[in-house]
Amino acid sequence: MRALARVALAACAWMVLCAAAADDPAERLANPHQEARARALFRDVRCLVCQSESIDQSDAPLANDLRQLIRRRIAAGRTDGQIRAFLVSRYGQFVLLTPRLSAGNAVLWAGPAAVVAGGLAALALRRRSDPQREPAPLSAEEEADLDALTRGEPV
């Protein structure tokens, strides 16, 4: 049991050290408040290479460039909104992991629901206009063929 605890503790320590080594201390801002703002922005900006990670998680060179760009803009006194607006103007809404609500985004979110609602409405209208009817009666020839088939005779 103690060996398992030691292995778990070593694994946790290894993960913490790897996470700490991922961020170069030389790149950090001297002001801790500004660095905290930068880190918060890093978590909201998509890595354009990885596309499923934030630049805070990514090791791609472009993610590093974006981190440096954000730190420079924070050091220059820009607000978070100005930095996001700059990134969106340069890379489009895709660069934000949590994009702002806009007409284009609303269409993307409401589109599938509208398609499903339209399909349900079409089914309801079709069902209403075409109620279940009794099948047409068999003709005399069809009745004779059916009787022959049920007796096992070839038609």
C-alpha atoms as a PDB file:
ATOM      1  CA  MET A   1       0.000   0.000   0.000  1.00  0.00           C
ATOM      2  CA  ARG A   2       2.844   2.361   0.839  1.00  0.00           C
ATOM      3  CA  ALA A   3       4.512   1.630  -2.486  1.00  0.00           C
ATOM      4  CA  LEU A   4       1.309   2.604  -4.310  1.00  0.00           C
ATOM      5  CA  ALA A   5       1.116   5.848  -2.337  1.00  0.00           C
ATOM      6  CA  ARG A   6       4.730   6.645  -3.195  1.00  0.00           C
ATOM      7  CA  VAL A   7       4.111   5.994  -6.882  1.00  0.00           C
ATOM      8  CA  ALA A   8       1.002   8.215  -6.825  1.00  0.00           C
ATOM      9  CA  LEU A   9       2.911  10.980  -5.029  1.00  0.00           C
ATOM     10  CA  ALA A  10       5.779  10.741  -7.517  1.00  0.00           C
ATOM     11  CA  ALA A  11       3.329  10.904 -10.442  1.00  0.00           C
ATOM     12  CA  CYS A  12       1.664  14.006  -8.987  1.00  0.00           C
ATOM     13  CA  ALA A  13       5.030  15.679  -8.423  1.00  0.00           C
ATOM     14  CA  TRP A  14       6.085  14.836 -11.978  1.00  0.00           C
ATOM     15  CA  MET A  15       2.891  16.385 -13.394  1.00  0.00           C
ATOM     16  CA  VAL A  16       3.376  19.571 -11.364  1.00  0.00           C
ATOM     17  CA  LEU A  17       6.983  19.889 -12.474  1.00  0.00           C
ATOM     18  CA  CYS A  18       6.064  19.323 -16.128  1.00  0.00           C
ATOM     19  CA  ALA A  19       3.342  21.956 -15.930  1.00  0.00           C
ATOM     20  CA  ALA A  20       5.750  24.411 -14.352  1.00  0.00           C
ATOM     21  CA  ALA A  21       8.383  23.718 -16.995  1.00  0.00           C
ATOM     22  CA  ALA A  22       5.898  24.338 -19.815  1.00  0.00           C
ATOM     23  CA  ASP A  23       5.874  28.085 -19.153  1.00  0.00           C
ATOM     24  CA  ASP A  24       9.194  29.880 -19.549  1.00  0.00           C
ATOM     25  CA  PRO A  25       9.685  32.190 -16.538  1.00  0.00           C
ATOM     26  CA  ALA A  26      11.702  34.586 -18.693  1.00  0.00           C
ATOM     27  CA  GLU A  27       8.576  35.344 -20.728  1.00  0.00           C
ATOM     28  CA  ARG A  28       6.383  36.144 -17.723  1.00  0.00           C
ATOM     29  CA  LEU A  29       5.370  39.701 -16.938  1.00  0.00           C
ATOM     30  CA  ALA A  30       6.980  41.266 -13.879  1.00  0.00           C
ATOM     31  CA  ASN A  31       3.637  42.486 -12.521  1.00  0.00           C
ATOM     32  CA  PRO A  32       1.726  39.495 -11.053  1.00  0.00           C
ATOM     33  CA  HIS A  33      -1.648  41.155 -11.729  1.00  0.00           C
ATOM     34  CA  GLN A  34      -0.773  41.614 -15.406  1.00  0.00           C
ATOM     35  CA  GLU A  35       0.505  38.029 -15.635  1.00  0.00           C
ATOM     36  CA  ALA A  36      -2.766  36.776 -14.116  1.00  0.00           C
ATOM     37  CA  ARG A  37      -4.702  38.764 -16.751  1.00  0.00           C
ATOM     38  CA  ALA A  38      -2.506  37.293 -19.467  1.00  0.00           C
ATOM     39  CA  ARG A  39      -3.042  33.744 -18.181  1.00  0.00           C
ATOM     40  CA  ALA A  40      -6.813  34.295 -18.132  1.00  0.00           C
ATOM     41  CA  LEU A  41      -6.676  35.487 -21.750  1.00  0.00           C
ATOM     42  CA  PHE A  42      -4.489  32.509 -22.713  1.00  0.00           C
ATOM     43  CA  ARG A  43      -7.253  30.147 -21.560  1.00  0.00           C
ATOM     44  CA  ASP A  44      -9.799  31.938 -23.786  1.00  0.00           C
ATOM     45  CA  VAL A  45      -7.698  32.073 -26.983  1.00  0.00           C
ATOM     46  CA  ARG A  46      -7.684  29.048 -29.301  1.00  0.00           C
ATOM     47  CA  CYS A  47      -4.422  27.656 -30.626  1.00  0.00           C
ATOM     48  CA  LEU A  48      -4.785  28.053 -34.384  1.00  0.00           C
ATOM     49  CA  VAL A  49      -2.510  25.067 -35.000  1.00  0.00           C
ATOM     50  CA  CYS A  50      -4.039  22.575 -32.539  1.00  0.00           C
ATOM     51  CA  GLN A  51      -7.575  24.070 -32.780  1.00  0.00           C
ATOM     52  CA  SER A  52      -8.872  22.044 -29.840  1.00  0.00           C
ATOM     53  CA  GLU A  53      -6.604  23.581 -27.212  1.00  0.00           C
ATOM     54  CA  SER A  54      -6.102  27.011 -25.766  1.00  0.00           C
ATOM     55  CA  ILE A  55      -2.764  28.728 -26.236  1.00  0.00           C
ATOM     56  CA  ASP A  56      -2.234  28.146 -22.511  1.00  0.00           C
ATOM     57  CA  GLN A  57      -2.169  24.366 -23.137  1.00  0.00           C
ATOM     58  CA  SER A  58      -0.435  24.321 -26.511  1.00  0.00           C
ATOM     59  CA  ASP A  59       3.280  23.956 -27.199  1.00  0.00           C
ATOM     60  CA  ALA A  60       2.962  25.052 -30.857  1.00  0.00           C
ATOM     61  CA  PRO A  61       5.263  27.902 -31.945  1.00  0.00           C
ATOM     62  CA  LEU A  62       2.266  29.986 -33.049  1.00  0.00           C
ATOM     63  CA  ALA A  63       0.712  29.601 -29.585  1.00  0.00           C
ATOM     64  CA  ASN A  64       3.970  30.867 -28.075  1.00  0.00           C
ATOM     65  CA  ASP A  65       3.893  33.845 -30.456  1.00  0.00           C
ATOM     66  CA  LEU A  66       0.313  34.628 -29.446  1.00  0.00           C
ATOM     67  CA  ARG A  67       1.233  34.413 -25.752  1.00  0.00           C
ATOM     68  CA  GLN A  68       4.068  36.880 -26.311  1.00  0.00           C
ATOM     69  CA  LEU A  69       1.782  39.188 -28.311  1.00  0.00           C
ATOM     70  CA  ILE A  70      -0.826  39.185 -25.531  1.00  0.00           C
ATOM     71  CA  ARG A  71       1.812  39.870 -22.877  1.00  0.00           C
ATOM     72  CA  ARG A  72       3.224  42.785 -24.920  1.00  0.00           C
ATOM     73  CA  ARG A  73      -0.240  44.298 -25.342  1.00  0.00           C
ATOM     74  CA  ILE A  74      -1.009  43.935 -21.630  1.00  0.00           C
ATOM     75  CA  ALA A  75       2.328  45.566 -20.775  1.00  0.00           C
ATOM     76  CA  ALA A  76       1.413  48.390 -23.196  1.00  0.00           C
ATOM     77  CA  GLY A  77      -1.742  49.049 -21.159  1.00  0.00           C
ATOM     78  CA  ARG A  78      -4.396  47.544 -23.430  1.00  0.00           C
ATOM     79  CA  THR A  79      -7.594  46.206 -21.862  1.00  0.00           C
ATOM     80  CA  ASP A  80      -8.742  42.596 -22.223  1.00  0.00           C
ATOM     81  CA  GLY A  81     -11.520  43.761 -24.554  1.00  0.00           C
ATOM     82  CA  GLN A  82      -9.059  45.601 -26.786  1.00  0.00           C
ATOM     83  CA  ILE A  83      -6.801  42.562 -26.954  1.00  0.00           C
ATOM     84  CA  ARG A  84      -9.711  40.253 -27.834  1.00  0.00           C
ATOM     85  CA  ALA A  85     -10.924  42.741 -30.475  1.00  0.00           C
ATOM     86  CA  PHE A  86      -7.423  42.847 -31.986  1.00  0.00           C
ATOM     87  CA  LEU A  87      -7.187  39.053 -32.111  1.00  0.00           C
ATOM     88  CA  VAL A  88     -10.666  38.754 -33.654  1.00  0.00           C
ATOM     89  CA  SER A  89      -9.883  41.417 -36.257  1.00  0.00           C
ATOM     90  CA  ARG A  90      -6.694  39.583 -37.169  1.00  0.00           C
ATOM     91  CA  TYR A  91      -7.799  35.930 -36.956  1.00  0.00           C
ATOM     92  CA  GLY A  92     -11.620  35.998 -36.890  1.00  0.00           C
ATOM     93  CA  GLN A  93     -14.105  34.774 -34.265  1.00  0.00           C
ATOM     94  CA  PHE A  94     -12.562  31.303 -34.466  1.00  0.00           C
ATOM     95  CA  VAL A  95      -9.600  32.446 -32.349  1.00  0.00           C
ATOM     96  CA  LEU A  96     -11.836  32.744 -29.267  1.00  0.00           C
ATOM     97  CA  LEU A  97     -12.752  29.540 -27.454  1.00  0.00           C
ATOM     98  CA  THR A  98     -15.896  31.306 -26.175  1.00  0.00           C
ATOM     99  CA  PRO A  99     -17.004  33.449 -29.127  1.00  0.00           C
ATOM    100  CA  ARG A 100     -19.248  36.465 -28.649  1.00  0.00           C
ATOM    101  CA  LEU A 101     -22.921  36.207 -29.534  1.00  0.00           C
ATOM    102  CA  SER A 102     -23.508  37.608 -33.008  1.00  0.00           C
ATOM    103  CA  ALA A 103     -25.946  37.102 -35.867  1.00  0.00           C
ATOM    104  CA  GLY A 104     -23.636  34.544 -37.484  1.00  0.00           C
ATOM    105  CA  ASN A 105     -23.265  32.565 -34.266  1.00  0.00           C
ATOM    106  CA  ALA A 106     -27.001  32.717 -33.580  1.00  0.00           C
ATOM    107  CA  VAL A 107     -27.682  31.149 -36.979  1.00  0.00           C
ATOM    108  CA  LEU A 108     -25.197  28.369 -36.228  1.00  0.00           C
ATOM    109  CA  TRP A 109     -26.806  27.610 -32.861  1.00  0.00           C
ATOM    110  CA  ALA A 110     -30.440  28.056 -33.916  1.00  0.00           C
ATOM    111  CA  GLY A 111     -30.085  26.407 -37.337  1.00  0.00           C
ATOM    112  CA  PRO A 112     -30.245  22.761 -36.225  1.00  0.00           C
ATOM    113  CA  ALA A 113     -33.190  23.470 -33.935  1.00  0.00           C
ATOM    114  CA  ALA A 114     -35.014  25.222 -36.799  1.00  0.00           C
ATOM    115  CA  VAL A 115     -34.377  22.252 -39.119  1.00  0.00           C
ATOM    116  CA  VAL A 116     -35.738  19.793 -36.536  1.00  0.00           C
ATOM    117  CA  ALA A 117     -38.788  22.007 -35.888  1.00  0.00           C
ATOM    118  CA  GLY A 118     -39.414  22.308 -39.634  1.00  0.00           C
ATOM    119  CA  GLY A 119     -39.182  18.536 -40.069  1.00  0.00           C
ATOM    120  CA  LEU A 120     -41.635  17.922 -37.224  1.00  0.00           C
ATOM    121  CA  ALA A 121     -44.038  20.495 -38.686  1.00  0.00           C
ATOM    122  CA  ALA A 122     -43.814  18.846 -42.121  1.00  0.00           C
ATOM    123  CA  LEU A 123     -44.549  15.431 -40.590  1.00  0.00           C
ATOM    124  CA  ALA A 124     -47.524  16.825 -38.684  1.00  0.00           C
ATOM    125  CA  LEU A 125     -48.941  18.463 -41.816  1.00  0.00           C
ATOM    126  CA  ARG A 126     -48.486  15.319 -43.867  1.00  0.00           C
ATOM    127  CA  ARG A 127     -50.145  13.190 -41.215  1.00  0.00           C
ATOM    128  CA  ARG A 128     -53.031  15.620 -40.960  1.00  0.00           C
ATOM    129  CA  SER A 129     -53.642  15.785 -44.722  1.00  0.00           C
ATOM    130  CA  ASP A 130     -53.191  12.033 -45.295  1.00  0.00           C
ATOM    131  CA  PRO A 131     -55.041  10.181 -42.526  1.00  0.00           C
ATOM    132  CA  GLN A 132     -54.604   6.450 -42.401  1.00  0.00           C
ATOM    133  CA  ARG A 133     -56.940   4.926 -44.923  1.00  0.00           C
ATOM    134  CA  GLU A 134     -58.241   1.431 -45.289  1.00  0.00           C
ATOM    135  CA  PRO A 135     -56.399  -0.464 -48.008  1.00  0.00           C
ATOM    136  CA  ALA A 136     -58.255  -0.824 -51.310  1.00  0.00           C
ATOM    137  CA  PRO A 137     -60.149  -4.111 -51.623  1.00  0.00           C
ATOM    138  CA  LEU A 138     -58.580  -6.877 -53.744  1.00  0.00           C
ATOM    139  CA  SER A 139     -59.866  -7.460 -57.238  1.00  0.00           C
ATOM    140  CA  ALA A 140     -61.357 -10.855 -58.147  1.00  0.00           C
ATOM    141  CA  GLU A 141     -58.158 -11.857 -59.950  1.00  0.00           C
ATOM    142  CA  GLU A 142     -56.003 -10.869 -56.919  1.00  0.00           C
ATOM    143  CA  GLU A 143     -58.311 -12.849 -54.613  1.00  0.00           C
ATOM    144  CA  ALA A 144     -57.935 -15.935 -56.842  1.00  0.00           C
ATOM    145  CA  ASP A 145     -54.120 -15.570 -56.862  1.00  0.00           C
ATOM    146  CA  LEU A 146     -54.075 -15.203 -53.074  1.00  0.00           C
ATOM    147  CA  ASP A 147     -56.215 -18.322 -52.606  1.00  0.00           C
ATOM    148  CA  ALA A 148     -53.898 -20.268 -54.925  1.00  0.00           C
ATOM    149  CA  LEU A 149     -50.835 -19.114 -52.983  1.00  0.00           C
ATOM    150  CA  THR A 150     -52.314 -20.056 -49.622  1.00  0.00           C
ATOM    151  CA  ARG A 151     -53.100 -23.565 -50.938  1.00  0.00           C
ATOM    152  CA  GLY A 152     -49.485 -23.876 -52.159  1.00  0.00           C
ATOM    153  CA  GLU A 153     -50.330 -23.865 -55.858  1.00  0.00           C
ATOM    154  CA  PRO A 154     -48.146 -21.945 -58.329  1.00  0.00           C
ATOM    155  CA  VAL A 155     -49.614 -18.739 -59.676  1.00  0.00           C
END
